[in-house]
Amino acid sequence: NMSHSVAGSVKSKNSYKSVRPKSYVDETLFGNHKSGEGQSQMAKAGATILSINELRRIRENAVKGLQSDAVVLPQSEIDRIRKTSVIMTKEQKEEEAKLMESQKEAQKSLHNARIKRMHQMDKERNNKLPPNEFEIEDKQKKIGVLSMAQKILDEEKDDVKTMNQMVLYSKCVTIRDKQLEEQKRLEDEYREENRRLDIMMEIERLKNIKHKEEIEQKRKDAQRQGALVIVEQIKERELERLKQQELQEREKLQMQEHIKKLKVEEEIQLKKERELAKKLLDEVEESNREAMKVKKLKVEDEIRLDNEILEYNRVKAQLEEEREIEKKKLQEEKEKEVQRLRNLQEKAADRQAEIDALRAKRAFEEGERRHREKERKEREHKLKVMKDMEEARQTQFLERERLLSEQAQQEREEFMRIIRSQKEEAEKERQIELEKKNILKNHSHQLRTQIIQNEEVKKQERLDYLEEGRRVRQNLENEKKRLKQIKGDKLKEIQSLGISEKYQADLAKKKISF
């Protein structure tokens, strides 16, 4: 067999004849110099690559009969070499390429089916096992992500966007109503604060008037209370005098009873004892007389003290009255004295009389000046005290007015600051709402364009896949239910925010239709 194989190869080599210079025969079978490209192609075909030198050496060894370096090829390899050396047309090559492609696709399908079956087996095995904590947590995360994605997808729908616009509108008008109410409340508070300040100032003025009246009333009450205290003291002394008199009468009665008892005892006793009793009686009578004298003096002292108190009050009031009369009288006497001195001066004939009159006049004038100076100082002192009191009162009043004014100014500034802050916040919110509306408008335009495109695609898909009508109807029904659920959730949301029912009407009346 080996000799036949070698011989066959030699014959095939010797009998090979090139038909044309550029043949379509695979030159790599014979080990041409383009070994890199040929080897890569043969490697792809799965054939053994032999170089020209190796073939030449095989031929020479076959001719010489050298068996040590001979290469033995099996019949299958020789058949494969023969097949690959066959010249094929372009159609044959394309057919062979299609065949090889179909074989590859078949192998790929088998491979994918095997992988799918392995995945299915792994999935079934995993389903039989209880999930661990990580799988549970991962599943919950996936569910959360899916629900969030579904929510985002729901928010992209036209009906949901319309509902969102209605919700935003209801929130906006509710906020606007709240702001109007807040503004009205602040204005009412401002007016109430001004009224309160006016009332406080009026109350302060009335308090000052009442305080002055109370001071005057206290002064009068003090005078009245002083008189009442004096009268009460007189009454207490009179009562004490009556008590003392009653006590003395009681003592007198007790003494008389004792005397009677002694008289009874004296009648029983001896004469000597009677004499002694008589002597004792005389002593007792003397003692009674002394007691009566003392009592009489004490009563006279009390009466005198009461009279002195009454006299003091009377004299005090009389002195006040006499002092005024004395002032007038003194003024009249001074005028009379001046007139008298003038008359003396006119009548005086000699120099000494004039000098004496002049000295008397000077002395009188000096006394008059001193008296006037004293009165002037007293008036100035009183005026100064009254002026100081008036200045202190005025200062206190101005200080109180200043404090009230500062407090009112601070409260007004705080109120205006709050108003400005509210206006700025309202302006910011208006700008934000305007930007949101512009963004929503642009986004809505983009969505409408995208929806139109999607609708066209969906129409085409519905035309292409009419057999999916049932599933589409079911999806539409599910979508309708989901939109109704979203509508209910939106209504609950605005109801929980306390939005008025009149702003919920549009959303409640919205119909879900396809």
Protein backbone atom coordinates (compact mmCIF):
# COMPACT_ATOMS: atom_id res chain seq x y z
CA ASN A 1 0.00 0.00 0.00
CA MET A 2 2.76 2.37 0.84
CA SER A 3 4.44 1.82 -2.50
CA HIS A 4 1.18 2.29 -4.34
CA SER A 5 0.46 5.50 -2.47
CA VAL A 6 3.90 6.91 -3.18
CA ALA A 7 3.73 5.85 -6.76
CA GLY A 8 0.30 7.32 -7.18
CA SER A 9 1.49 10.60 -5.81
CA VAL A 10 4.49 10.59 -8.15
CA LYS A 11 2.34 9.79 -11.13
CA SER A 12 -0.12 12.48 -10.25
CA LYS A 13 2.72 14.93 -9.99
CA ASN A 14 4.33 13.89 -13.25
CA SER A 15 0.99 13.76 -15.05
CA TYR A 16 -0.14 17.21 -13.72
CA LYS A 17 -0.16 19.75 -16.49
CA SER A 18 -0.90 23.40 -16.07
CA VAL A 19 -3.73 24.41 -18.38
CA ARG A 20 -3.20 28.13 -18.06
CA PRO A 21 -0.68 30.34 -16.29
CA LYS A 22 -3.14 31.44 -13.66
CA SER A 23 -5.02 28.36 -12.65
CA TYR A 24 -7.78 28.26 -10.05
CA VAL A 25 -6.18 25.19 -8.48
CA ASP A 26 -5.31 25.63 -4.84
CA GLU A 27 -1.58 26.17 -5.03
CA THR A 28 -1.19 25.61 -1.30
CA LEU A 29 -1.56 21.91 -1.87
CA PHE A 30 1.85 21.95 -3.46
CA GLY A 31 3.63 24.21 -1.03
CA ASN A 32 4.04 27.42 -3.03
CA HIS A 33 5.87 30.42 -1.61
CA LYS A 34 2.62 32.05 -0.48
CA SER A 35 2.73 29.78 2.54
CA GLY A 36 1.17 32.26 4.96
CA GLU A 37 -1.99 32.80 2.95
CA GLY A 38 -2.21 29.19 1.87
CA GLN A 39 -1.72 27.85 5.36
CA SER A 40 -4.44 30.10 6.72
CA GLN A 41 -6.88 28.93 4.03
CA MET A 42 -6.00 25.29 4.50
CA ALA A 43 -6.18 25.66 8.21
CA LYS A 44 -9.70 26.90 7.75
CA ALA A 45 -10.48 23.88 5.55
CA GLY A 46 -8.93 21.53 8.10
CA ALA A 47 -6.34 19.95 5.56
CA THR A 48 -2.65 19.02 6.19
CA ILE A 49 -0.22 21.50 4.59
CA LEU A 50 2.91 20.13 2.69
CA SER A 51 5.62 22.34 1.27
CA ILE A 52 7.24 21.92 -2.16
CA ASN A 53 10.50 20.76 -0.57
CA GLU A 54 8.68 18.11 1.38
CA LEU A 55 6.92 16.85 -1.74
CA ARG A 56 10.21 16.85 -3.66
CA ARG A 57 11.88 14.92 -0.87
CA ILE A 58 9.01 12.42 -0.83
CA ARG A 59 9.36 11.96 -4.57
CA GLU A 60 13.09 11.42 -4.39
CA ASN A 61 12.80 8.98 -1.54
CA ALA A 62 10.10 7.10 -3.42
CA VAL A 63 12.25 6.85 -6.53
CA LYS A 64 15.35 5.78 -4.60
CA GLY A 65 13.36 3.44 -2.47
CA LEU A 66 14.42 5.02 0.76
CA GLN A 67 11.90 3.97 3.38
CA SER A 68 13.44 5.76 6.37
CA ASP A 69 12.20 9.26 5.39
CA ALA A 70 9.04 8.22 3.51
CA VAL A 71 5.67 9.76 4.44
CA VAL A 72 2.73 7.42 4.45
CA LEU A 73 -0.66 9.00 3.53
CA PRO A 74 -3.91 7.15 4.19
CA GLN A 75 -6.42 6.63 1.44
CA SER A 76 -8.87 9.08 2.98
CA GLU A 77 -6.27 11.83 2.94
CA ILE A 78 -5.43 11.08 -0.65
CA ASP A 79 -9.16 11.23 -1.49
CA ARG A 80 -9.50 14.53 0.31
CA ILE A 81 -6.51 15.95 -1.55
CA ARG A 82 -8.02 14.83 -4.79
CA LYS A 83 -11.32 16.42 -3.93
CA THR A 84 -9.76 19.73 -2.93
CA SER A 85 -7.67 19.78 -6.07
CA VAL A 86 -10.75 19.59 -8.25
CA ILE A 87 -11.36 22.82 -10.16
CA MET A 88 -14.84 24.17 -9.29
CA THR A 89 -16.87 26.78 -11.08
CA LYS A 90 -18.23 29.92 -9.45
CA GLU A 91 -21.71 28.39 -9.09
CA GLN A 92 -20.26 25.29 -7.45
CA LYS A 93 -18.30 27.43 -5.02
CA GLU A 94 -21.41 29.45 -4.12
CA GLU A 95 -23.40 26.27 -3.65
CA GLU A 96 -20.66 24.78 -1.50
CA ALA A 97 -20.48 28.03 0.51
CA LYS A 98 -24.28 27.93 1.02
CA LEU A 99 -24.02 24.32 2.09
CA MET A 100 -21.27 25.13 4.54
CA GLU A 101 -23.30 28.15 5.80
CA SER A 102 -26.36 25.97 6.30
CA GLN A 103 -24.24 23.45 8.16
CA LYS A 104 -22.88 26.21 10.34
CA GLU A 105 -26.40 27.51 10.99
CA ALA A 106 -27.53 24.02 11.88
CA GLN A 107 -24.60 23.60 14.24
CA LYS A 108 -25.30 27.02 15.69
CA SER A 109 -28.98 26.17 16.17
CA LEU A 110 -28.04 22.94 17.88
CA HIS A 111 -25.59 24.82 20.05
CA ASN A 112 -28.19 27.48 20.96
CA ALA A 113 -30.79 24.81 21.68
CA ARG A 114 -28.32 23.01 23.91
CA ILE A 115 -27.53 26.26 25.76
CA LYS A 116 -31.23 27.08 26.04
CA ARG A 117 -31.93 23.61 27.38
CA MET A 118 -29.12 23.99 29.91
CA HIS A 119 -30.50 27.40 30.97
CA GLN A 120 -33.97 25.91 31.26
CA MET A 121 -32.62 23.08 33.40
CA ASP A 122 -30.77 25.61 35.59
CA LYS A 123 -33.91 27.71 35.85
CA GLU A 124 -36.03 24.69 36.83
CA ARG A 125 -33.43 23.64 39.36
CA ASN A 126 -33.31 27.18 40.78
CA ASN A 127 -37.11 27.34 40.91
CA LYS A 128 -37.18 24.16 42.97
CA LEU A 129 -34.74 25.63 45.49
CA PRO A 130 -36.09 28.15 48.07
CA PRO A 131 -34.81 31.72 47.43
CA ASN A 132 -32.17 33.04 49.81
CA GLU A 133 -32.06 36.52 51.37
CA PHE A 134 -30.01 38.02 48.55
CA GLU A 135 -32.38 36.65 45.92
CA ILE A 136 -35.37 37.96 47.86
CA GLU A 137 -33.76 41.38 48.19
CA ASP A 138 -32.77 41.36 44.51
CA LYS A 139 -36.33 40.36 43.57
CA GLN A 140 -37.76 43.17 45.68
CA LYS A 141 -35.36 45.63 44.06
CA LYS A 142 -36.38 44.40 40.62
CA ILE A 143 -40.05 44.72 41.55
CA GLY A 144 -39.42 48.26 42.84
CA VAL A 145 -37.50 49.19 39.69
CA LEU A 146 -40.21 47.68 37.50
CA SER A 147 -42.96 49.50 39.39
CA MET A 148 -40.98 52.74 39.15
CA ALA A 149 -40.41 52.18 35.44
CA GLN A 150 -44.10 51.40 34.97
CA LYS A 151 -44.97 54.56 36.85
CA ILE A 152 -42.62 56.59 34.65
CA LEU A 153 -44.17 55.01 31.55
CA ASP A 154 -47.63 55.80 32.89
CA GLU A 155 -46.63 59.42 33.44
CA GLU A 156 -45.64 59.65 29.76
CA LYS A 157 -49.17 58.87 28.58
CA ASP A 158 -51.39 61.64 27.22
CA ASP A 159 -54.30 60.99 29.57
CA VAL A 160 -51.99 60.88 32.58
CA LYS A 161 -50.32 64.10 31.45
CA THR A 162 -53.75 65.69 31.10
CA MET A 163 -54.58 64.47 34.63
CA ASN A 164 -51.26 65.88 35.89
CA GLN A 165 -52.08 69.20 34.28
CA MET A 166 -55.47 69.18 36.02
CA VAL A 167 -53.81 68.28 39.35
CA LEU A 168 -51.19 71.01 38.89
CA TYR A 169 -53.92 73.50 37.99
CA SER A 170 -55.95 72.58 41.07
CA LYS A 171 -52.83 72.88 43.24
CA CYS A 172 -51.94 76.24 41.68
CA VAL A 173 -55.39 77.77 42.12
CA THR A 174 -55.56 76.36 45.67
CA ILE A 175 -52.19 77.95 46.46
CA ARG A 176 -53.41 81.18 44.85
CA ASP A 177 -56.55 81.12 47.05
CA LYS A 178 -54.40 80.45 50.12
CA GLN A 179 -52.12 83.34 49.19
CA LEU A 180 -55.11 85.67 48.74
CA GLU A 181 -56.48 84.55 52.09
CA GLU A 182 -53.05 85.06 53.68
CA GLN A 183 -52.77 88.52 52.14
CA LYS A 184 -56.23 89.44 53.39
CA ARG A 185 -55.37 88.05 56.84
CA LEU A 186 -52.15 90.11 56.94
CA GLU A 187 -54.03 93.26 55.92
CA ASP A 188 -56.62 92.59 58.63
CA GLU A 189 -53.82 92.02 61.14
CA TYR A 190 -52.19 95.30 60.06
CA ARG A 191 -55.45 97.20 60.56
CA GLU A 192 -56.06 95.39 63.85
CA GLU A 193 -52.52 96.24 65.00
CA ASN A 194 -53.04 99.94 64.21
CA ARG A 195 -56.33 99.86 66.07
CA ARG A 196 -54.64 98.08 68.98
CA LEU A 197 -51.90 100.73 69.10
CA ASP A 198 -54.51 103.50 69.10
CA ILE A 199 -56.36 101.75 71.91
CA MET A 200 -53.09 101.29 73.85
CA MET A 201 -52.29 104.99 73.54
CA GLU A 202 -55.81 105.92 74.63
CA ILE A 203 -55.59 103.47 77.53
CA GLU A 204 -52.22 104.95 78.52
CA ARG A 205 -53.73 108.45 78.46
CA LEU A 206 -56.70 107.31 80.55
CA LYS A 207 -54.31 105.56 82.93
CA ASN A 208 -52.37 108.78 83.44
CA ILE A 209 -55.60 110.68 84.13
CA LYS A 210 -56.76 107.95 86.48
CA HIS A 211 -53.35 107.90 88.19
CA LYS A 212 -53.54 111.60 88.87
CA GLU A 213 -57.10 111.21 90.16
CA GLU A 214 -55.97 108.35 92.37
CA ILE A 215 -53.14 110.45 93.79
CA GLU A 216 -55.58 113.25 94.54
CA GLN A 217 -58.07 110.79 96.01
CA LYS A 218 -55.35 109.20 98.13
CA ARG A 219 -54.42 112.63 99.47
CA LYS A 220 -58.03 113.35 100.36
CA ASP A 221 -58.44 109.86 101.80
CA ALA A 222 -55.29 110.36 103.87
CA GLN A 223 -56.74 113.58 105.30
CA ARG A 224 -60.06 111.92 105.90
CA GLN A 225 -58.34 108.89 107.41
CA GLY A 226 -56.32 111.13 109.70
CA ALA A 227 -59.50 112.75 110.99
CA LEU A 228 -61.11 109.34 111.37
CA VAL A 229 -58.07 108.07 113.28
CA ILE A 230 -58.33 111.02 115.66
CA VAL A 231 -62.05 110.42 116.15
CA GLU A 232 -61.36 106.72 116.64
CA GLN A 233 -58.69 107.52 119.21
CA ILE A 234 -61.19 109.73 121.05
CA LYS A 235 -63.73 106.94 120.98
CA GLU A 236 -61.16 104.42 122.19
CA ARG A 237 -60.15 106.68 125.06
CA GLU A 238 -63.81 107.26 125.97
CA LEU A 239 -64.37 103.52 125.90
CA GLU A 240 -61.28 102.97 128.01
CA ARG A 241 -62.53 105.59 130.46
CA LEU A 242 -65.90 103.87 130.69
CA LYS A 243 -64.19 100.54 131.26
CA GLN A 244 -62.08 102.02 134.04
CA GLN A 245 -65.15 103.61 135.57
CA GLU A 246 -67.01 100.32 135.45
CA LEU A 247 -64.04 98.56 136.97
CA GLN A 248 -63.91 101.10 139.75
CA GLU A 249 -67.64 100.71 140.37
CA ARG A 250 -67.18 96.98 140.51
CA GLU A 251 -64.33 97.38 142.96
CA LYS A 252 -66.46 99.74 145.00
CA LEU A 253 -69.27 97.22 145.17
CA GLN A 254 -66.86 94.50 146.10
CA MET A 255 -65.43 96.72 148.79
CA GLN A 256 -68.90 97.51 150.15
CA GLU A 257 -69.71 93.82 150.27
CA HIS A 258 -66.48 93.22 152.06
CA ILE A 259 -67.35 95.99 154.50
CA LYS A 260 -70.73 94.45 155.16
CA LYS A 261 -69.06 91.14 155.77
CA LEU A 262 -66.67 92.79 158.14
CA LYS A 263 -69.58 94.45 159.91
CA VAL A 264 -71.21 91.04 160.40
CA GLU A 265 -67.97 89.68 161.71
CA GLU A 266 -67.54 92.75 163.96
CA GLU A 267 -70.88 92.08 165.60
CA ILE A 268 -69.68 88.57 166.49
CA GLN A 269 -66.21 89.61 167.51
CA LEU A 270 -65.25 91.21 170.70
CA LYS A 271 -65.38 94.89 171.28
CA LYS A 272 -61.70 95.22 170.74
CA GLU A 273 -62.05 93.74 167.37
CA ARG A 274 -64.90 96.16 166.67
CA GLU A 275 -62.66 99.04 167.49
CA LEU A 276 -59.98 97.61 165.27
CA ALA A 277 -62.56 97.13 162.50
CA LYS A 278 -63.68 100.67 162.89
CA LYS A 279 -60.13 101.78 162.52
CA LEU A 280 -59.73 99.63 159.47
CA LEU A 281 -62.95 101.04 158.06
CA ASP A 282 -61.62 104.52 158.44
CA GLU A 283 -58.46 103.51 156.61
CA VAL A 284 -60.49 101.93 153.85
CA GLU A 285 -62.60 105.01 153.46
CA GLU A 286 -59.46 107.08 153.27
CA SER A 287 -58.10 104.72 150.66
CA ASN A 288 -61.33 105.03 148.71
CA ARG A 289 -61.14 108.75 148.81
CA GLU A 290 -57.56 108.62 147.55
CA ALA A 291 -58.63 106.22 144.77
CA MET A 292 -61.47 108.49 143.82
CA LYS A 293 -59.11 111.41 143.66
CA VAL A 294 -56.68 109.47 141.48
CA LYS A 295 -59.50 108.30 139.25
CA LYS A 296 -60.82 111.80 138.96
CA LEU A 297 -57.39 113.12 138.02
CA LYS A 298 -56.97 110.36 135.43
CA VAL A 299 -60.33 111.13 133.89
CA GLU A 300 -59.49 114.81 133.84
CA ASP A 301 -56.15 114.03 132.16
CA GLU A 302 -57.86 111.95 129.47
CA ILE A 303 -60.45 114.65 128.87
CA ARG A 304 -57.72 117.24 128.77
CA LEU A 305 -55.67 115.12 126.28
CA ASP A 306 -58.68 114.67 124.02
CA ASN A 307 -59.40 118.36 124.22
CA GLU A 308 -55.78 119.11 123.40
CA ILE A 309 -55.96 116.89 120.29
CA LEU A 310 -59.13 118.57 119.16
CA GLU A 311 -57.67 121.94 120.02
CA TYR A 312 -54.50 121.07 118.05
CA ASN A 313 -56.49 120.21 114.95
CA ARG A 314 -58.64 123.29 115.41
CA VAL A 315 -55.61 125.48 116.05
CA LYS A 316 -53.82 123.97 113.04
CA ALA A 317 -56.73 124.79 110.77
CA GLN A 318 -57.09 128.19 112.42
CA LEU A 319 -53.36 128.86 112.02
CA GLU A 320 -53.60 128.12 108.34
CA GLU A 321 -56.44 130.54 108.06
CA GLU A 322 -54.75 133.08 110.34
CA ARG A 323 -51.53 132.78 108.37
CA GLU A 324 -53.33 133.94 105.26
CA ILE A 325 -55.04 136.67 107.24
CA GLU A 326 -51.71 137.56 108.85
CA LYS A 327 -50.10 137.91 105.44
CA LYS A 328 -52.79 140.28 104.34
CA LYS A 329 -52.71 142.10 107.65
CA LEU A 330 -48.91 142.33 107.57
CA GLN A 331 -49.08 143.74 104.07
CA GLU A 332 -51.61 146.30 105.20
CA GLU A 333 -49.50 147.16 108.26
CA LYS A 334 -46.45 147.53 106.09
CA GLU A 335 -48.31 149.88 103.85
CA LYS A 336 -49.61 151.76 106.90
CA GLU A 337 -46.10 151.87 108.37
CA VAL A 338 -44.75 153.24 105.11
CA GLN A 339 -47.45 155.81 105.07
CA ARG A 340 -46.80 156.62 108.72
CA LEU A 341 -43.08 157.01 108.05
CA ARG A 342 -43.83 159.24 105.15
CA ASN A 343 -46.10 161.31 107.36
CA LEU A 344 -43.42 161.46 110.07
CA GLN A 345 -40.88 162.46 107.46
CA GLU A 346 -43.11 165.26 106.29
CA LYS A 347 -43.85 166.42 109.83
CA ALA A 348 -40.30 166.15 111.12
CA ALA A 349 -38.66 169.51 111.36
CA ASP A 350 -35.19 168.79 112.46
CA ARG A 351 -32.35 166.85 110.88
CA GLN A 352 -32.22 164.25 113.59
CA ALA A 353 -35.86 163.39 113.08
CA GLU A 354 -35.25 163.06 109.38
CA ILE A 355 -32.26 160.88 110.07
CA ASP A 356 -34.23 158.73 112.45
CA ALA A 357 -37.07 158.54 109.97
CA LEU A 358 -34.64 157.70 107.23
CA ARG A 359 -33.01 155.03 109.36
CA ALA A 360 -36.38 153.64 110.27
CA LYS A 361 -37.35 153.71 106.61
CA ARG A 362 -34.15 152.00 105.62
CA ALA A 363 -34.58 149.44 108.35
CA PHE A 364 -38.15 148.88 107.24
CA GLU A 365 -37.14 148.72 103.60
CA GLU A 366 -34.32 146.35 104.50
CA GLY A 367 -36.76 144.14 106.35
CA GLU A 368 -39.16 144.49 103.45
CA ARG A 369 -36.45 143.54 100.98
CA ARG A 370 -35.45 140.56 103.08
CA HIS A 371 -39.05 139.50 103.34
CA ARG A 372 -39.55 139.93 99.59
CA GLU A 373 -36.26 138.14 98.91
CA LYS A 374 -37.37 135.29 101.12
CA GLU A 375 -40.73 135.11 99.42
CA ARG A 376 -39.03 135.34 96.02
CA LYS A 377 -36.67 132.50 96.89
CA GLU A 378 -39.57 130.45 98.15
CA ARG A 379 -41.50 131.15 94.95
CA GLU A 380 -38.44 130.35 92.86
CA HIS A 381 -37.90 127.17 94.81
CA LYS A 382 -41.51 126.15 94.31
CA LEU A 383 -41.35 127.10 90.66
CA LYS A 384 -38.11 125.19 90.25
CA VAL A 385 -39.58 122.11 91.95
CA MET A 386 -42.70 122.37 89.81
CA LYS A 387 -40.58 122.92 86.69
CA ASP A 388 -38.39 119.92 87.52
CA MET A 389 -41.47 117.81 88.13
CA GLU A 390 -43.01 119.02 84.86
CA GLU A 391 -39.74 118.35 82.98
CA ALA A 392 -39.46 114.87 84.53
CA ARG A 393 -43.09 114.17 83.65
CA GLN A 394 -42.58 115.52 80.13
CA THR A 395 -39.36 113.50 79.75
CA GLN A 396 -41.11 110.38 80.95
CA PHE A 397 -44.00 111.02 78.58
CA LEU A 398 -41.64 111.65 75.63
CA GLU A 399 -39.60 108.54 76.48
CA ARG A 400 -42.75 106.45 76.62
CA GLU A 401 -43.93 107.97 73.33
CA ARG A 402 -40.52 107.26 71.76
CA LEU A 403 -40.56 103.64 72.94
CA LEU A 404 -44.09 103.15 71.63
CA SER A 405 -43.12 104.80 68.33
CA GLU A 406 -39.99 102.61 67.99
CA GLN A 407 -42.00 99.50 68.79
CA ALA A 408 -44.66 100.46 66.27
CA GLN A 409 -41.96 101.24 63.66
CA GLN A 410 -40.27 97.87 64.27
CA GLU A 411 -43.58 96.08 63.98
CA ARG A 412 -44.39 97.95 60.75
CA GLU A 413 -40.94 97.15 59.32
CA GLU A 414 -41.36 93.49 60.28
CA PHE A 415 -44.79 93.46 58.67
CA MET A 416 -43.48 95.08 55.47
CA ARG A 417 -40.54 92.65 55.43
CA ILE A 418 -42.96 89.74 55.63
CA ILE A 419 -45.06 91.26 52.83
CA ARG A 420 -41.96 91.74 50.65
CA SER A 421 -40.81 88.20 51.38
CA GLN A 422 -44.25 86.86 50.47
CA LYS A 423 -44.25 88.83 47.23
CA GLU A 424 -40.74 87.61 46.36
CA GLU A 425 -41.74 84.02 47.10
CA ALA A 426 -44.86 84.46 44.98
CA GLU A 427 -42.77 85.91 42.13
CA LYS A 428 -40.28 83.05 42.38
CA GLU A 429 -43.08 80.52 42.36
CA ARG A 430 -44.65 82.27 39.37
CA GLN A 431 -41.31 82.16 37.49
CA ILE A 432 -40.88 78.48 38.42
CA GLU A 433 -44.43 77.73 37.27
CA LEU A 434 -43.79 79.64 34.03
CA GLU A 435 -40.58 77.69 33.43
CA LYS A 436 -42.39 74.45 34.22
CA LYS A 437 -45.15 75.38 31.79
CA ASN A 438 -42.59 76.15 29.07
CA ILE A 439 -40.79 72.88 29.77
CA LEU A 440 -44.08 71.01 29.79
CA LYS A 441 -45.12 72.77 26.59
CA ASN A 442 -41.88 71.85 24.82
CA HIS A 443 -42.00 68.37 26.23
CA SER A 444 -45.63 68.06 25.22
CA HIS A 445 -44.77 69.15 21.67
CA GLN A 446 -41.99 66.60 21.52
CA LEU A 447 -44.27 63.97 22.95
CA ARG A 448 -46.99 64.78 20.43
CA THR A 449 -44.48 64.43 17.62
CA GLN A 450 -43.22 61.21 19.13
CA ILE A 451 -46.77 60.00 19.72
CA ILE A 452 -47.71 60.71 16.09
CA GLN A 453 -44.68 58.78 14.95
CA ASN A 454 -45.46 55.98 17.37
CA GLU A 455 -49.09 55.96 16.25
CA GLU A 456 -48.01 55.59 12.65
CA VAL A 457 -45.70 52.75 13.62
CA LYS A 458 -48.45 51.14 15.67
CA LYS A 459 -50.94 51.45 12.83
CA GLN A 460 -48.49 49.79 10.50
CA GLU A 461 -47.85 47.10 13.09
CA ARG A 462 -51.59 46.56 13.57
CA LEU A 463 -51.97 46.24 9.79
CA ASP A 464 -49.06 43.80 9.74
CA TYR A 465 -50.20 41.79 12.77
CA LEU A 466 -53.99 41.61 12.66
CA GLU A 467 -53.82 38.28 14.45
CA GLU A 468 -52.76 40.12 17.61
CA GLY A 469 -56.07 42.01 17.79
CA ARG A 470 -57.34 40.15 20.82
CA ARG A 471 -54.15 40.79 22.74
CA VAL A 472 -54.24 44.44 21.71
CA ARG A 473 -57.84 44.77 22.88
CA GLN A 474 -56.93 43.15 26.17
CA ASN A 475 -53.98 45.50 26.56
CA LEU A 476 -56.23 48.45 25.78
CA GLU A 477 -58.72 47.26 28.38
CA ASN A 478 -55.91 46.85 30.92
CA GLU A 479 -54.58 50.27 29.98
CA LYS A 480 -58.04 51.75 30.46
CA LYS A 481 -58.33 50.14 33.91
CA ARG A 482 -54.86 51.36 34.82
CA LEU A 483 -55.71 54.89 33.71
CA LYS A 484 -58.88 54.77 35.80
CA GLN A 485 -56.81 53.60 38.76
CA ILE A 486 -54.33 56.45 38.17
CA LYS A 487 -57.26 58.87 37.96
CA GLY A 488 -58.56 57.57 41.31
CA ASP A 489 -55.07 57.94 42.83
CA LYS A 490 -54.82 61.52 41.56
CA LEU A 491 -58.23 62.34 43.04
CA LYS A 492 -57.21 60.84 46.39
CA GLU A 493 -53.97 62.83 46.28
CA ILE A 494 -55.67 66.21 45.77
CA GLN A 495 -58.37 65.29 48.31
CA SER A 496 -55.67 64.50 50.88
CA LEU A 497 -54.13 67.93 50.19
CA GLY A 498 -57.43 69.58 51.16
CA ILE A 499 -58.11 71.07 47.72
CA SER A 500 -61.61 72.44 47.23
CA GLU A 501 -64.18 70.24 45.48
CA LYS A 502 -64.77 72.83 42.76
CA TYR A 503 -61.15 72.32 41.64
CA GLN A 504 -61.59 68.53 41.67
CA ALA A 505 -64.56 68.61 39.28
CA ASP A 506 -62.54 68.74 36.04
CA LEU A 507 -60.44 65.73 37.01
CA ALA A 508 -63.47 63.83 38.31
CA LYS A 509 -65.36 64.45 35.03
CA LYS A 510 -62.46 63.42 32.79
CA LYS A 511 -63.40 60.39 30.70
CA ILE A 512 -60.96 57.60 29.85
CA SER A 513 -61.49 56.65 26.23
CA PHE A 514 -59.53 55.03 23.41
